[in-house]
Protein backbone atom coordinates (compact mmCIF):
# COMPACT_ATOMS: atom_id res chain seq x y z
CA UNK A 1 5.60 -70.41 -5.84
CA UNK A 2 7.25 -73.76 -6.34
CA UNK A 3 5.77 -76.25 -8.77
CA UNK A 4 6.99 -79.45 -10.32
CA UNK A 5 6.50 -80.62 -13.88
CA UNK A 6 6.84 -84.09 -15.27
CA UNK A 7 10.01 -84.56 -17.28
CA UNK A 8 7.93 -85.01 -20.44
CA UNK A 9 6.00 -81.78 -19.95
CA UNK A 10 9.11 -79.81 -19.03
CA UNK A 11 10.78 -81.06 -22.20
CA UNK A 12 7.73 -80.08 -24.26
CA UNK A 13 7.61 -76.64 -22.58
CA UNK A 14 11.26 -76.02 -23.46
CA UNK A 15 10.81 -77.12 -27.08
CA UNK A 16 7.75 -74.90 -27.54
CA UNK A 17 9.37 -72.05 -25.62
CA UNK A 18 6.49 -70.98 -23.42
CA UNK A 19 6.37 -69.86 -19.81
CA UNK A 20 3.86 -71.11 -17.28
CA UNK A 21 1.57 -68.99 -15.17
CA UNK A 22 0.31 -71.09 -12.29
CA UNK A 23 -2.85 -69.89 -10.58
CA UNK A 24 -3.10 -69.86 -6.82
CA UNK A 25 -5.23 -72.64 -5.37
CA UNK A 26 -8.66 -71.74 -4.02
CA UNK A 27 -8.44 -68.27 -5.59
CA UNK A 28 -11.17 -67.77 -8.21
CA UNK A 29 -9.95 -64.27 -9.03
CA UNK A 30 -6.67 -65.64 -10.39
CA UNK A 31 -8.59 -68.08 -12.62
CA UNK A 32 -11.25 -65.64 -13.76
CA UNK A 33 -12.10 -66.90 -17.22
CA UNK A 34 -12.35 -70.56 -16.28
CA UNK A 35 -14.19 -69.89 -13.02
CA UNK A 36 -16.67 -67.67 -14.87
CA UNK A 37 -17.38 -70.41 -17.41
CA UNK A 38 -18.02 -72.95 -14.65
CA UNK A 39 -20.36 -70.55 -12.87
CA UNK A 40 -22.16 -69.69 -16.10
CA UNK A 41 -22.81 -73.37 -16.84
CA UNK A 42 -23.91 -74.09 -13.28
CA UNK A 43 -26.35 -71.17 -13.21
CA UNK A 44 -27.62 -71.34 -16.79
CA UNK A 45 -27.49 -74.97 -17.84
CA UNK A 46 -27.22 -77.42 -14.98
CA UNK A 47 -29.46 -75.74 -12.41
CA UNK A 48 -32.77 -77.64 -12.25
CA UNK A 49 -31.73 -79.85 -15.18
CA UNK A 50 -33.05 -83.40 -14.96
CA UNK A 51 -31.31 -86.26 -16.70
CA UNK A 52 -31.39 -90.03 -16.43
CA UNK A 53 -27.87 -90.89 -17.60
CA UNK A 54 -24.67 -89.29 -18.87
CA UNK A 55 -25.72 -89.67 -22.53
CA UNK A 56 -28.90 -87.71 -21.82
CA UNK A 57 -26.88 -85.05 -20.01
CA UNK A 58 -24.44 -84.76 -22.93
CA UNK A 59 -27.26 -84.49 -25.49
CA UNK A 60 -28.91 -81.73 -23.47
CA UNK A 61 -25.59 -79.94 -23.00
CA UNK A 62 -24.74 -79.98 -26.71
CA UNK A 63 -28.21 -78.76 -27.62
CA UNK A 64 -27.96 -75.96 -25.03
CA UNK A 65 -24.53 -74.96 -26.30
CA UNK A 66 -25.80 -74.65 -29.88
CA UNK A 67 -28.74 -72.44 -29.00
CA UNK A 68 -27.46 -70.55 -25.95
CA UNK A 69 -23.98 -71.07 -24.54
CA UNK A 70 -22.02 -70.71 -27.77
CA UNK A 71 -24.56 -68.76 -29.77
CA UNK A 72 -25.03 -65.60 -27.74
CA UNK A 73 -22.78 -62.60 -28.32
CA UNK A 74 -20.41 -62.09 -25.39
CA UNK A 75 -20.80 -58.74 -23.61
CA UNK A 76 -17.08 -57.94 -23.54
CA UNK A 77 -15.62 -59.55 -26.66
CA UNK A 78 -18.72 -58.81 -28.80
CA UNK A 79 -18.19 -62.20 -30.45
CA UNK A 80 -19.98 -65.51 -30.28
CA UNK A 81 -17.90 -68.12 -28.37
CA UNK A 82 -18.30 -70.63 -31.22
CA UNK A 83 -16.66 -68.17 -33.64
CA UNK A 84 -13.72 -67.62 -31.29
CA UNK A 85 -13.41 -71.38 -30.76
CA UNK A 86 -13.31 -71.98 -34.53
CA UNK A 87 -10.53 -69.41 -34.97
CA UNK A 88 -8.50 -70.84 -32.08
CA UNK A 89 -9.15 -74.41 -33.16
CA UNK A 90 -7.82 -73.68 -36.66
CA UNK A 91 -4.57 -72.30 -35.23
CA UNK A 92 -4.19 -74.99 -32.55
CA UNK A 93 -0.93 -76.91 -32.68
CA UNK A 94 -2.08 -80.47 -33.42
CA UNK A 95 1.19 -81.94 -32.14
CA UNK A 96 0.06 -81.22 -28.58
CA UNK A 97 -2.63 -83.88 -28.66
CA UNK A 98 -0.11 -86.70 -29.10
CA UNK A 99 2.92 -85.35 -27.28
CA UNK A 100 2.59 -85.43 -23.51
CA UNK A 101 -1.08 -85.89 -22.78
CA UNK A 102 -1.98 -89.40 -21.65
CA UNK A 103 -4.79 -91.33 -23.27
CA UNK A 104 -7.41 -92.27 -20.73
CA UNK A 105 -9.18 -95.57 -21.22
CA UNK A 106 -12.46 -96.52 -19.64
CA UNK A 107 -12.42 -99.52 -17.33
CA UNK A 108 -16.04 -100.32 -18.22
């Protein structure tokens, strides 16, 4: 598979010393974890959900995450997603947030 990186990202990748694994397009099996999360949210949160604006949607989503999405023990890992997130978040390399990722600004 051939893929192209921006010069900035390629430089960052070299400095950090990691390899990329690019998933095949339109192949949910190669993106299992992410695809499963999207499906879980569609089936368990957004289905039949009514909201009047994006703020309402976000409030409902955060409330749902606290009581359901992040609070239930995962069948395979036997851990709550919020606990795993806290561990990963504490070890996250903060330099990533300001290195190559663009800042998006609202036009509104």
